[in-house]
PDB file of N, CA and C in Angstrom:
ATOM      1  N   MET A   1      91.741  81.823  75.741  1.00  0.00           N
ATOM      2  CA  MET A   1      92.860  81.036  76.210  1.00  0.00           C
ATOM      3  C   MET A   1      93.989  81.315  75.440  1.00  0.00           C
ATOM      4  N   LYS A   2      95.222  81.587  76.048  1.00  0.00           N
ATOM      5  CA  LYS A   2      96.388  81.719  75.456  1.00  0.00           C
ATOM      6  C   LYS A   2      97.386  80.474  75.648  1.00  0.00           C
ATOM      7  N   GLN A   3      97.889  79.728  74.863  1.00  0.00           N
ATOM      8  CA  GLN A   3      99.159  79.125  75.101  1.00  0.00           C
ATOM      9  C   GLN A   3     100.649  79.701  75.001  1.00  0.00           C
ATOM     10  N   ILE A   4     101.578  79.239  75.774  1.00  0.00           N
ATOM     11  CA  ILE A   4     102.767  79.638  75.966  1.00  0.00           C
ATOM     12  C   ILE A   4     103.587  78.551  75.950  1.00  0.00           C
ATOM     13  N   SER A   5     104.720  78.628  74.975  1.00  0.00           N
ATOM     14  CA  SER A   5     105.863  77.722  74.573  1.00  0.00           C
ATOM     15  C   SER A   5     107.206  78.056  74.803  1.00  0.00           C
ATOM     16  N   THR A   6     107.974  77.122  75.554  1.00  0.00           N
ATOM     17  CA  THR A   6     109.386  77.711  75.775  1.00  0.00           C
ATOM     18  C   THR A   6     110.074  77.037  74.451  1.00  0.00           C
ATOM     19  N   GLY A   7     109.501  76.280  73.608  1.00  0.00           N
ATOM     20  CA  GLY A   7     110.297  75.580  72.649  1.00  0.00           C
ATOM     21  C   GLY A   7     110.895  74.448  73.359  1.00  0.00           C
ATOM     22  N   SER A   8     110.812  73.832  74.376  1.00  0.00           N
ATOM     23  CA  SER A   8     111.354  72.592  74.803  1.00  0.00           C
ATOM     24  C   SER A   8     110.889  71.411  74.110  1.00  0.00           C
ATOM     25  N   PRO A   9     111.692  70.531  73.658  1.00  0.00           N
ATOM     26  CA  PRO A   9     111.210  69.274  73.036  1.00  0.00           C
ATOM     27  C   PRO A   9     110.280  68.512  73.737  1.00  0.00           C
ATOM     28  N   PHE A  10     110.231  68.548  74.963  1.00  0.00           N
ATOM     29  CA  PHE A  10     109.288  67.992  75.857  1.00  0.00           C
ATOM     30  C   PHE A  10     107.781  68.470  75.571  1.00  0.00           C
ATOM     31  N   GLU A  11     107.687  69.592  75.444  1.00  0.00           N
ATOM     32  CA  GLU A  11     106.376  70.164  75.265  1.00  0.00           C
ATOM     33  C   GLU A  11     105.721  69.326  74.020  1.00  0.00           C
ATOM     34  N   ALA A  12     106.473  69.166  73.227  1.00  0.00           N
ATOM     35  CA  ALA A  12     105.586  68.720  71.823  1.00  0.00           C
ATOM     36  C   ALA A  12     105.249  67.155  72.082  1.00  0.00           C
ATOM     37  N   THR A  13     106.583  66.517  72.565  1.00  0.00           N
ATOM     38  CA  THR A  13     106.643  65.013  72.879  1.00  0.00           C
ATOM     39  C   THR A  13     105.667  64.616  73.807  1.00  0.00           C
ATOM     40  N   MET A  14     105.317  65.327  74.797  1.00  0.00           N
ATOM     41  CA  MET A  14     104.548  65.042  75.797  1.00  0.00           C
ATOM     42  C   MET A  14     103.278  65.663  75.594  1.00  0.00           C
ATOM     43  N   GLY A  15     103.133  66.515  74.822  1.00  0.00           N
ATOM     44  CA  GLY A  15     101.449  67.277  74.936  1.00  0.00           C
ATOM     45  C   GLY A  15     101.303  67.953  75.887  1.00  0.00           C
ATOM     46  N   TYR A  16     102.013  68.872  76.062  1.00  0.00           N
ATOM     47  CA  TYR A  16     101.518  70.130  76.948  1.00  0.00           C
ATOM     48  C   TYR A  16     102.130  71.416  76.704  1.00  0.00           C
ATOM     49  N   SER A  17     101.452  72.366  77.140  1.00  0.00           N
ATOM     50  CA  SER A  17     102.067  73.573  76.748  1.00  0.00           C
ATOM     51  C   SER A  17     102.779  74.308  78.303  1.00  0.00           C
ATOM     52  N   ARG A  18     103.883  74.920  78.041  1.00  0.00           N
ATOM     53  CA  ARG A  18     104.525  75.505  79.173  1.00  0.00           C
ATOM     54  C   ARG A  18     103.686  76.206  80.246  1.00  0.00           C
ATOM     55  N   ALA A  19     102.918  76.929  79.602  1.00  0.00           N
ATOM     56  CA  ALA A  19     101.999  77.698  80.319  1.00  0.00           C
ATOM     57  C   ALA A  19     100.445  77.963  79.721  1.00  0.00           C
ATOM     58  N   ILE A  20      99.587  78.380  80.426  1.00  0.00           N
ATOM     59  CA  ILE A  20      98.297  78.640  79.823  1.00  0.00           C
ATOM     60  C   ILE A  20      97.655  79.713  80.570  1.00  0.00           C
ATOM     61  N   VAL A  21      97.232  80.786  79.910  1.00  0.00           N
ATOM     62  CA  VAL A  21      96.804  81.996  80.325  1.00  0.00           C
ATOM     63  C   VAL A  21      95.119  81.848  79.937  1.00  0.00           C
ATOM     64  N   LYS A  22      94.452  82.025  81.288  1.00  0.00           N
ATOM     65  CA  LYS A  22      92.880  82.155  81.053  1.00  0.00           C
ATOM     66  C   LYS A  22      92.441  83.398  82.036  1.00  0.00           C
ATOM     67  N   GLY A  23      91.809  84.386  81.325  1.00  0.00           N
ATOM     68  CA  GLY A  23      91.346  85.326  82.240  1.00  0.00           C
ATOM     69  C   GLY A  23      92.586  86.088  82.933  1.00  0.00           C
ATOM     70  N   GLY A  24      92.352  86.234  84.234  1.00  0.00           N
ATOM     71  CA  GLY A  24      93.520  86.719  85.028  1.00  0.00           C
ATOM     72  C   GLY A  24      94.554  85.799  85.479  1.00  0.00           C
ATOM     73  N   TRP A  25      94.473  84.731  85.000  1.00  0.00           N
ATOM     74  CA  TRP A  25      95.347  83.493  85.599  1.00  0.00           C
ATOM     75  C   TRP A  25      96.198  82.922  84.522  1.00  0.00           C
ATOM     76  N   CYS A  26      97.366  82.758  84.975  1.00  0.00           N
ATOM     77  CA  CYS A  26      98.311  82.170  84.406  1.00  0.00           C
ATOM     78  C   CYS A  26      98.878  81.044  85.074  1.00  0.00           C
ATOM     79  N   PHE A  27      98.617  79.559  84.349  1.00  0.00           N
ATOM     80  CA  PHE A  27      99.090  78.361  85.211  1.00  0.00           C
ATOM     81  C   PHE A  27     100.668  77.895  84.442  1.00  0.00           C
ATOM     82  N   VAL A  28     101.433  77.934  84.965  1.00  0.00           N
ATOM     83  CA  VAL A  28     102.648  77.347  84.579  1.00  0.00           C
ATOM     84  C   VAL A  28     102.834  76.016  84.919  1.00  0.00           C
ATOM     85  N   SER A  29     103.155  75.234  83.835  1.00  0.00           N
ATOM     86  CA  SER A  29     103.540  73.845  83.969  1.00  0.00           C
ATOM     87  C   SER A  29     104.698  73.673  85.055  1.00  0.00           C
ATOM     88  N   GLY A  30     105.143  72.319  85.429  1.00  0.00           N
ATOM     89  CA  GLY A  30     106.079  72.162  86.354  1.00  0.00           C
ATOM     90  C   GLY A  30     107.544  72.398  85.169  1.00  0.00           C
ATOM     91  N   VAL A  31     108.570  73.098  85.871  1.00  0.00           N
ATOM     92  CA  VAL A  31     109.667  73.586  85.115  1.00  0.00           C
ATOM     93  C   VAL A  31     110.870  72.860  85.742  1.00  0.00           C
ATOM     94  N   THR A  32     111.766  72.110  85.009  1.00  0.00           N
ATOM     95  CA  THR A  32     112.829  71.524  85.558  1.00  0.00           C
ATOM     96  C   THR A  32     113.963  72.443  85.185  1.00  0.00           C
ATOM     97  N   GLY A  33     115.339  71.997  85.733  1.00  0.00           N
ATOM     98  CA  GLY A  33     116.394  72.753  85.816  1.00  0.00           C
ATOM     99  C   GLY A  33     117.168  72.905  84.543  1.00  0.00           C
ATOM    100  N   TYR A  34     116.427  72.536  83.491  1.00  0.00           N
ATOM    101  CA  TYR A  34     117.304  72.812  82.300  1.00  0.00           C
ATOM    102  C   TYR A  34     117.500  74.134  81.857  1.00  0.00           C
ATOM    103  N   ASP A  35     118.674  74.464  81.218  1.00  0.00           N
ATOM    104  CA  ASP A  35     118.777  75.513  80.323  1.00  0.00           C
ATOM    105  C   ASP A  35     118.413  75.380  78.905  1.00  0.00           C
ATOM    106  N   TYR A  36     117.032  75.837  78.737  1.00  0.00           N
ATOM    107  CA  TYR A  36     116.590  75.390  77.417  1.00  0.00           C
ATOM    108  C   TYR A  36     117.196  76.027  76.148  1.00  0.00           C
ATOM    109  N   ALA A  37     118.057  76.630  76.400  1.00  0.00           N
ATOM    110  CA  ALA A  37     118.909  77.273  75.107  1.00  0.00           C
ATOM    111  C   ALA A  37     119.968  76.285  74.766  1.00  0.00           C
ATOM    112  N   THR A  38     120.457  75.554  75.925  1.00  0.00           N
ATOM    113  CA  THR A  38     121.481  74.561  75.645  1.00  0.00           C
ATOM    114  C   THR A  38     121.037  73.044  75.963  1.00  0.00           C
ATOM    115  N   MET A  39     120.010  72.946  76.562  1.00  0.00           N
ATOM    116  CA  MET A  39     119.576  71.785  76.910  1.00  0.00           C
ATOM    117  C   MET A  39     120.482  71.002  78.096  1.00  0.00           C
ATOM    118  N   GLN A  40     121.144  72.093  78.865  1.00  0.00           N
ATOM    119  CA  GLN A  40     122.209  71.382  79.732  1.00  0.00           C
ATOM    120  C   GLN A  40     121.594  71.497  81.057  1.00  0.00           C
ATOM    121  N   MET A  41     121.693  70.539  81.937  1.00  0.00           N
ATOM    122  CA  MET A  41     121.311  70.580  83.385  1.00  0.00           C
ATOM    123  C   MET A  41     122.253  70.615  84.372  1.00  0.00           C
ATOM    124  N   PRO A  42     122.252  71.599  85.181  1.00  0.00           N
ATOM    125  CA  PRO A  42     123.392  71.625  86.296  1.00  0.00           C
ATOM    126  C   PRO A  42     123.162  70.650  87.094  1.00  0.00           C
ATOM    127  N   GLU A  43     124.346  70.218  87.849  1.00  0.00           N
ATOM    128  CA  GLU A  43     124.365  69.174  88.831  1.00  0.00           C
ATOM    129  C   GLU A  43     123.648  69.464  90.126  1.00  0.00           C
ATOM    130  N   GLU A  44     123.950  70.744  90.646  1.00  0.00           N
ATOM    131  CA  GLU A  44     123.360  70.999  91.945  1.00  0.00           C
ATOM    132  C   GLU A  44     121.999  71.565  91.943  1.00  0.00           C
ATOM    133  N   ILE A  45     121.336  70.857  92.982  1.00  0.00           N
ATOM    134  CA  ILE A  45     119.846  71.428  93.173  1.00  0.00           C
ATOM    135  C   ILE A  45     119.666  73.012  93.020  1.00  0.00           C
ATOM    136  N   ALA A  46     120.478  73.813  93.589  1.00  0.00           N
ATOM    137  CA  ALA A  46     120.227  75.189  93.710  1.00  0.00           C
ATOM    138  C   ALA A  46     120.443  75.780  92.670  1.00  0.00           C
ATOM    139  N   ASP A  47     121.430  75.399  91.655  1.00  0.00           N
ATOM    140  CA  ASP A  47     121.577  75.645  90.420  1.00  0.00           C
ATOM    141  C   ASP A  47     120.339  75.517  89.321  1.00  0.00           C
ATOM    142  N   GLN A  48     119.948  74.056  89.556  1.00  0.00           N
ATOM    143  CA  GLN A  48     118.535  73.634  88.861  1.00  0.00           C
ATOM    144  C   GLN A  48     117.311  74.500  89.286  1.00  0.00           C
ATOM    145  N   ALA A  49     117.445  75.079  90.379  1.00  0.00           N
ATOM    146  CA  ALA A  49     116.285  75.916  90.961  1.00  0.00           C
ATOM    147  C   ALA A  49     116.397  77.293  90.358  1.00  0.00           C
ATOM    148  N   GLN A  50     117.453  77.754  90.189  1.00  0.00           N
ATOM    149  CA  GLN A  50     117.615  79.069  89.574  1.00  0.00           C
ATOM    150  C   GLN A  50     117.260  78.993  88.180  1.00  0.00           C
ATOM    151  N   ASN A  51     117.693  77.814  87.300  1.00  0.00           N
ATOM    152  CA  ASN A  51     117.193  77.726  86.021  1.00  0.00           C
ATOM    153  C   ASN A  51     115.680  77.769  85.918  1.00  0.00           C
ATOM    154  N   CYS A  52     115.100  76.845  86.941  1.00  0.00           N
ATOM    155  CA  CYS A  52     113.650  76.899  86.946  1.00  0.00           C
ATOM    156  C   CYS A  52     113.094  78.214  86.878  1.00  0.00           C
ATOM    157  N   PHE A  53     113.544  79.103  87.920  1.00  0.00           N
ATOM    158  CA  PHE A  53     112.856  80.265  88.198  1.00  0.00           C
ATOM    159  C   PHE A  53     113.225  81.298  87.099  1.00  0.00           C
ATOM    160  N   ALA A  54     114.402  81.230  86.464  1.00  0.00           N
ATOM    161  CA  ALA A  54     114.716  82.129  85.138  1.00  0.00           C
ATOM    162  C   ALA A  54     113.681  81.554  83.996  1.00  0.00           C
ATOM    163  N   THR A  55     113.302  80.346  83.873  1.00  0.00           N
ATOM    164  CA  THR A  55     112.233  79.886  82.886  1.00  0.00           C
ATOM    165  C   THR A  55     110.970  80.501  83.163  1.00  0.00           C
ATOM    166  N   ILE A  56     110.569  80.492  84.373  1.00  0.00           N
ATOM    167  CA  ILE A  56     109.534  80.937  85.048  1.00  0.00           C
ATOM    168  C   ILE A  56     109.108  82.142  84.839  1.00  0.00           C
ATOM    169  N   ALA A  57     110.111  83.095  85.001  1.00  0.00           N
ATOM    170  CA  ALA A  57     110.272  84.582  84.968  1.00  0.00           C
ATOM    171  C   ALA A  57     110.039  84.965  83.411  1.00  0.00           C
ATOM    172  N   VAL A  58     110.668  84.200  82.455  1.00  0.00           N
ATOM    173  CA  VAL A  58     110.314  84.429  81.006  1.00  0.00           C
ATOM    174  C   VAL A  58     108.953  84.225  80.468  1.00  0.00           C
ATOM    175  N   VAL A  59     108.607  83.055  80.887  1.00  0.00           N
ATOM    176  CA  VAL A  59     107.342  82.594  80.660  1.00  0.00           C
ATOM    177  C   VAL A  59     106.253  83.377  81.092  1.00  0.00           C
ATOM    178  N   LEU A  60     106.248  83.900  82.398  1.00  0.00           N
ATOM    179  CA  LEU A  60     105.405  84.808  82.868  1.00  0.00           C
ATOM    180  C   LEU A  60     105.354  86.368  82.211  1.00  0.00           C
ATOM    181  N   ASP A  61     106.669  86.704  81.980  1.00  0.00           N
ATOM    182  CA  ASP A  61     106.574  87.922  81.070  1.00  0.00           C
ATOM    183  C   ASP A  61     106.044  88.043  79.832  1.00  0.00           C
ATOM    184  N   GLU A  62     106.157  86.896  79.194  1.00  0.00           N
ATOM    185  CA  GLU A  62     105.550  86.565  77.727  1.00  0.00           C
ATOM    186  C   GLU A  62     104.059  86.613  77.939  1.00  0.00           C
ATOM    187  N   ALA A  63     103.662  85.982  79.178  1.00  0.00           N
ATOM    188  CA  ALA A  63     101.957  85.911  79.299  1.00  0.00           C
ATOM    189  C   ALA A  63     101.594  87.210  79.921  1.00  0.00           C
ATOM    190  N   GLY A  64     102.457  88.165  80.212  1.00  0.00           N
ATOM    191  CA  GLY A  64     101.940  89.574  80.364  1.00  0.00           C
ATOM    192  C   GLY A  64     101.775  89.585  82.018  1.00  0.00           C
ATOM    193  N   PHE A  65     102.558  88.783  82.743  1.00  0.00           N
ATOM    194  CA  PHE A  65     102.802  88.673  84.321  1.00  0.00           C
ATOM    195  C   PHE A  65     104.053  88.905  84.790  1.00  0.00           C
ATOM    196  N   GLU A  66     104.075  89.100  86.139  1.00  0.00           N
ATOM    197  CA  GLU A  66     105.334  89.198  86.820  1.00  0.00           C
ATOM    198  C   GLU A  66     105.547  88.161  87.859  1.00  0.00           C
ATOM    199  N   MET A  67     106.991  88.133  88.299  1.00  0.00           N
ATOM    200  CA  MET A  67     107.039  87.052  89.582  1.00  0.00           C
ATOM    201  C   MET A  67     106.269  87.229  90.381  1.00  0.00           C
ATOM    202  N   ALA A  68     105.941  88.608  90.999  1.00  0.00           N
ATOM    203  CA  ALA A  68     105.159  89.408  91.888  1.00  0.00           C
ATOM    204  C   ALA A  68     103.776  89.052  92.031  1.00  0.00           C
ATOM    205  N   ASP A  69     103.242  88.372  90.761  1.00  0.00           N
ATOM    206  CA  ASP A  69     101.852  87.832  90.408  1.00  0.00           C
ATOM    207  C   ASP A  69     101.874  86.409  91.016  1.00  0.00           C
ATOM    208  N   ILE A  70     103.063  85.966  91.451  1.00  0.00           N
ATOM    209  CA  ILE A  70     102.723  84.490  91.845  1.00  0.00           C
ATOM    210  C   ILE A  70     101.817  84.192  93.193  1.00  0.00           C
ATOM    211  N   VAL A  71     100.979  83.242  93.177  1.00  0.00           N
ATOM    212  CA  VAL A  71     100.021  83.148  94.211  1.00  0.00           C
ATOM    213  C   VAL A  71     100.195  81.743  94.718  1.00  0.00           C
ATOM    214  N   ARG A  72     100.631  80.896  94.023  1.00  0.00           N
ATOM    215  CA  ARG A  72     100.666  79.453  94.411  1.00  0.00           C
ATOM    216  C   ARG A  72     102.017  78.757  93.777  1.00  0.00           C
ATOM    217  N   VAL A  73     102.704  77.863  94.441  1.00  0.00           N
ATOM    218  CA  VAL A  73     104.066  77.308  93.977  1.00  0.00           C
ATOM    219  C   VAL A  73     103.854  75.829  94.593  1.00  0.00           C
ATOM    220  N   GLN A  74     104.288  74.829  93.771  1.00  0.00           N
ATOM    221  CA  GLN A  74     104.352  73.484  94.356  1.00  0.00           C
ATOM    222  C   GLN A  74     105.709  73.079  93.753  1.00  0.00           C
ATOM    223  N   TYR A  75     106.670  72.570  94.819  1.00  0.00           N
ATOM    224  CA  TYR A  75     107.881  72.152  94.617  1.00  0.00           C
ATOM    225  C   TYR A  75     107.910  70.725  94.562  1.00  0.00           C
ATOM    226  N   THR A  76     108.707  69.986  93.705  1.00  0.00           N
ATOM    227  CA  THR A  76     108.822  68.569  93.898  1.00  0.00           C
ATOM    228  C   THR A  76     110.230  68.354  93.879  1.00  0.00           C
ATOM    229  N   VAL A  77     110.801  67.841  94.903  1.00  0.00           N
ATOM    230  CA  VAL A  77     112.247  67.482  95.077  1.00  0.00           C
ATOM    231  C   VAL A  77     112.514  66.074  95.235  1.00  0.00           C
ATOM    232  N   VAL A  78     113.442  65.480  94.816  1.00  0.00           N
ATOM    233  CA  VAL A  78     113.725  64.100  94.709  1.00  0.00           C
ATOM    234  C   VAL A  78     114.079  63.185  96.096  1.00  0.00           C
ATOM    235  N   ALA A  79     114.668  64.090  96.722  1.00  0.00           N
ATOM    236  CA  ALA A  79     115.079  63.551  98.115  1.00  0.00           C
ATOM    237  C   ALA A  79     115.037  64.700  99.263  1.00  0.00           C
ATOM    238  N   PRO A  80     114.621  64.390 100.356  1.00  0.00           N
ATOM    239  CA  PRO A  80     114.359  65.353 101.562  1.00  0.00           C
ATOM    240  C   PRO A  80     116.199  65.909 102.052  1.00  0.00           C
ATOM    241  N   GLU A  81     116.900  65.142 101.724  1.00  0.00           N
ATOM    242  CA  GLU A  81     118.253  65.804 102.110  1.00  0.00           C
ATOM    243  C   GLU A  81     118.806  66.826 101.239  1.00  0.00           C
ATOM    244  N   LEU A  82     118.074  67.174 100.087  1.00  0.00           N
ATOM    245  CA  LEU A  82     118.400  68.186  98.926  1.00  0.00           C
ATOM    246  C   LEU A  82     117.786  69.409  99.251  1.00  0.00           C
ATOM    247  N   VAL A  83     116.607  69.476 100.321  1.00  0.00           N
ATOM    248  CA  VAL A  83     116.057  70.673 100.609  1.00  0.00           C
ATOM    249  C   VAL A  83     116.439  71.598 101.160  1.00  0.00           C
ATOM    250  N   GLU A  84     117.569  71.332 102.056  1.00  0.00           N
ATOM    251  CA  GLU A  84     118.374  72.400 102.732  1.00  0.00           C
ATOM    252  C   GLU A  84     119.211  73.174 101.723  1.00  0.00           C
ATOM    253  N   ALA A  85     119.873  72.567 100.701  1.00  0.00           N
ATOM    254  CA  ALA A  85     120.596  73.480  99.644  1.00  0.00           C
ATOM    255  C   ALA A  85     119.615  74.166  98.616  1.00  0.00           C
ATOM    256  N   LEU A  86     118.277  73.792  98.715  1.00  0.00           N
ATOM    257  CA  LEU A  86     117.487  74.388  97.932  1.00  0.00           C
ATOM    258  C   LEU A  86     116.773  75.823  98.606  1.00  0.00           C
ATOM    259  N   VAL A  87     116.552  75.761  99.861  1.00  0.00           N
ATOM    260  CA  VAL A  87     115.821  76.725 100.570  1.00  0.00           C
ATOM    261  C   VAL A  87     116.558  78.088 100.330  1.00  0.00           C
ATOM    262  N   PRO A  88     117.855  78.214 100.348  1.00  0.00           N
ATOM    263  CA  PRO A  88     118.316  79.692 100.027  1.00  0.00           C
ATOM    264  C   PRO A  88     117.808  80.224  98.701  1.00  0.00           C
ATOM    265  N   VAL A  89     117.638  79.604  97.684  1.00  0.00           N
ATOM    266  CA  VAL A  89     117.309  79.970  96.152  1.00  0.00           C
ATOM    267  C   VAL A  89     115.811  80.396  96.473  1.00  0.00           C
ATOM    268  N   LEU A  90     114.986  79.468  97.153  1.00  0.00           N
ATOM    269  CA  LEU A  90     113.679  79.683  97.218  1.00  0.00           C
ATOM    270  C   LEU A  90     113.373  80.891  98.045  1.00  0.00           C
ATOM    271  N   GLY A  91     113.935  81.113  99.212  1.00  0.00           N
ATOM    272  CA  GLY A  91     114.050  82.522 100.025  1.00  0.00           C
ATOM    273  C   GLY A  91     114.365  83.757  99.095  1.00  0.00           C
ATOM    274  N   ALA A  92     115.370  83.825  98.426  1.00  0.00           N
ATOM    275  CA  ALA A  92     115.781  84.773  97.506  1.00  0.00           C
ATOM    276  C   ALA A  92     114.948  85.356  96.502  1.00  0.00           C
ATOM    277  N   THR A  93     113.939  84.040  95.958  1.00  0.00           N
ATOM    278  CA  THR A  93     113.367  84.315  94.845  1.00  0.00           C
ATOM    279  C   THR A  93     111.833  84.862  95.154  1.00  0.00           C
ATOM    280  N   LEU A  94     111.334  84.057  96.152  1.00  0.00           N
ATOM    281  CA  LEU A  94     109.917  84.240  96.562  1.00  0.00           C
ATOM    282  C   LEU A  94     109.907  84.760  98.116  1.00  0.00           C
ATOM    283  N   GLY A  95     110.755  85.101  98.682  1.00  0.00           N
ATOM    284  CA  GLY A  95     110.805  85.556 100.014  1.00  0.00           C
ATOM    285  C   GLY A  95     109.970  86.716 100.156  1.00  0.00           C
ATOM    286  N   GLN A  96     109.859  87.637  99.256  1.00  0.00           N
ATOM    287  CA  GLN A  96     109.001  88.944  99.379  1.00  0.00           C
ATOM    288  C   GLN A  96     107.737  88.717  98.896  1.00  0.00           C
ATOM    289  N   ILE A  97     107.398  87.686  98.109  1.00  0.00           N
ATOM    290  CA  ILE A  97     106.299  87.450  97.346  1.00  0.00           C
ATOM    291  C   ILE A  97     105.243  86.648  98.195  1.00  0.00           C
ATOM    292  N   ARG A  98     105.955  85.463  98.667  1.00  0.00           N
ATOM    293  CA  ARG A  98     105.259  84.702  99.825  1.00  0.00           C
ATOM    294  C   ARG A  98     103.941  83.966  99.284  1.00  0.00           C
ATOM    295  N   PRO A  99     103.988  83.374  98.337  1.00  0.00           N
ATOM    296  CA  PRO A  99     102.822  82.467  97.808  1.00  0.00           C
ATOM    297  C   PRO A  99     102.535  81.274  98.628  1.00  0.00           C
ATOM    298  N   ALA A 100     101.290  80.818  98.479  1.00  0.00           N
ATOM    299  CA  ALA A 100     100.982  79.747  99.214  1.00  0.00           C
ATOM    300  C   ALA A 100     101.816  78.628  98.458  1.00  0.00           C
ATOM    301  N   ALA A 101     102.351  77.557  99.169  1.00  0.00           N
ATOM    302  CA  ALA A 101     103.129  76.771  98.638  1.00  0.00           C
ATOM    303  C   ALA A 101     103.134  75.300  99.354  1.00  0.00           C
ATOM    304  N   THR A 102     103.680  74.362  98.661  1.00  0.00           N
ATOM    305  CA  THR A 102     103.548  72.939  98.634  1.00  0.00           C
ATOM    306  C   THR A 102     104.857  72.422  98.376  1.00  0.00           C
ATOM    307  N   MET A 103     105.415  71.398  99.145  1.00  0.00           N
ATOM    308  CA  MET A 103     106.448  70.740  98.695  1.00  0.00           C
ATOM    309  C   MET A 103     106.293  69.241  98.826  1.00  0.00           C
ATOM    310  N   VAL A 104     106.636  68.730  97.657  1.00  0.00           N
ATOM    311  CA  VAL A 104     106.567  66.985  98.008  1.00  0.00           C
ATOM    312  C   VAL A 104     107.914  66.413  97.489  1.00  0.00           C
ATOM    313  N   ILE A 105     108.022  65.545  98.043  1.00  0.00           N
ATOM    314  CA  ILE A 105     109.149  64.551  97.980  1.00  0.00           C
ATOM    315  C   ILE A 105     108.773  63.469  96.870  1.00  0.00           C
ATOM    316  N   ALA A 106     109.165  63.418  95.929  1.00  0.00           N
ATOM    317  CA  ALA A 106     108.924  62.375  94.864  1.00  0.00           C
ATOM    318  C   ALA A 106     109.935  61.985  93.745  1.00  0.00           C
ATOM    319  N   GLY A 107     109.854  61.046  93.079  1.00  0.00           N
ATOM    320  CA  GLY A 107     110.703  61.045  91.848  1.00  0.00           C
ATOM    321  C   GLY A 107     110.322  61.748  90.549  1.00  0.00           C
ATOM    322  N   LEU A 108     111.277  62.123  89.835  1.00  0.00           N
ATOM    323  CA  LEU A 108     111.091  62.977  88.703  1.00  0.00           C
ATOM    324  C   LEU A 108     111.372  61.912  87.405  1.00  0.00           C
ATOM    325  N   ILE A 109     111.061  62.320  86.208  1.00  0.00           N
ATOM    326  CA  ILE A 109     111.086  61.454  84.962  1.00  0.00           C
ATOM    327  C   ILE A 109     112.706  61.071  84.363  1.00  0.00           C
ATOM    328  N   ARG A 110     113.387  61.989  84.954  1.00  0.00           N
ATOM    329  CA  ARG A 110     114.911  61.666  84.438  1.00  0.00           C
ATOM    330  C   ARG A 110     115.730  61.703  85.550  1.00  0.00           C
ATOM    331  N   PRO A 111     116.722  60.784  85.669  1.00  0.00           N
ATOM    332  CA  PRO A 111     117.612  60.873  86.674  1.00  0.00           C
ATOM    333  C   PRO A 111     118.465  62.222  87.210  1.00  0.00           C
ATOM    334  N   GLU A 112     118.535  62.975  86.172  1.00  0.00           N
ATOM    335  CA  GLU A 112     119.319  64.251  86.540  1.00  0.00           C
ATOM    336  C   GLU A 112     118.495  65.215  86.932  1.00  0.00           C
ATOM    337  N   MET A 113     117.230  65.136  86.784  1.00  0.00           N
ATOM    338  CA  MET A 113     116.252  66.076  87.462  1.00  0.00           C
ATOM    339  C   MET A 113     116.140  66.170  89.028  1.00  0.00           C
ATOM    340  N   LYS A 114     116.450  67.145  89.737  1.00  0.00           N
ATOM    341  CA  LYS A 114     116.473  67.053  91.295  1.00  0.00           C
ATOM    342  C   LYS A 114     115.384  68.027  91.837  1.00  0.00           C
ATOM    343  N   VAL A 115     114.768  68.771  90.946  1.00  0.00           N
ATOM    344  CA  VAL A 115     113.694  69.573  91.448  1.00  0.00           C
ATOM    345  C   VAL A 115     112.869  70.134  90.303  1.00  0.00           C
ATOM    346  N   GLU A 116     111.426  70.180  90.433  1.00  0.00           N
ATOM    347  CA  GLU A 116     110.534  70.815  89.347  1.00  0.00           C
ATOM    348  C   GLU A 116     109.727  71.804  90.250  1.00  0.00           C
ATOM    349  N   ILE A 117     109.394  72.926  89.475  1.00  0.00           N
ATOM    350  CA  ILE A 117     108.791  74.057  90.077  1.00  0.00           C
ATOM    351  C   ILE A 117     107.673  74.282  89.442  1.00  0.00           C
ATOM    352  N   GLU A 118     106.485  74.335  89.814  1.00  0.00           N
ATOM    353  CA  GLU A 118     105.366  74.592  89.147  1.00  0.00           C
ATOM    354  C   GLU A 118     104.660  75.930  89.818  1.00  0.00           C
ATOM    355  N   VAL A 119     104.091  76.938  89.036  1.00  0.00           N
ATOM    356  CA  VAL A 119     103.497  78.249  89.765  1.00  0.00           C
ATOM    357  C   VAL A 119     102.031  78.485  88.855  1.00  0.00           C
ATOM    358  N   THR A 120     101.375  79.225  89.853  1.00  0.00           N
ATOM    359  CA  THR A 120     100.158  79.775  89.441  1.00  0.00           C
ATOM    360  C   THR A 120     100.249  81.241  89.794  1.00  0.00           C
ATOM    361  N   ALA A 121     100.158  82.181  88.566  1.00  0.00           N
ATOM    362  CA  ALA A 121      99.882  83.732  88.896  1.00  0.00           C
ATOM    363  C   ALA A 121      98.771  84.210  88.649  1.00  0.00           C
ATOM    364  N   PHE A 122      98.428  85.233  89.243  1.00  0.00           N
ATOM    365  CA  PHE A 122      96.990  85.960  89.170  1.00  0.00           C
ATOM    366  C   PHE A 122      97.265  87.386  89.003  1.00  0.00           C
ATOM    367  N   ARG A 123      96.489  87.878  88.237  1.00  0.00           N
ATOM    368  CA  ARG A 123      96.535  89.350  88.034  1.00  0.00           C
ATOM    369  C   ARG A 123      95.089  89.940  88.030  1.00  0.00           C
ATOM    370  N   GLY A 124      94.879  90.327  89.223  1.00  0.00           N
ATOM    371  CA  GLY A 124      93.416  90.829  89.434  1.00  0.00           C
ATOM    372  C   GLY A 124      93.138  92.241  89.417  1.00  0.00           C
TER     373      GLY A 124
END
């Protein structure tokens, strides 16, 4: 088993790894829209989602995977009216990959967070 970290302060304080690699699987924890280099959060959900996918791509690369290896994705969105602005980013990023997906409408732990994206990748 291999643990991957992005150096986010949340990983240490909350006790989790950004990703775990086990065999041909990579389990990426939920990622919110922070730019982890600056710890800045954009206001718009589409920009937050782009940051999420940028972080996910870096983590997958470090783990030896590619975005094309994503087989499952879960989106948590804080309000249904935000989904329309989110959809173009999802389609542009995963439209060719088309993993199994779930979208949940629920609160997140900080008010600036509008979306959290969790993925599972498989290299078989």
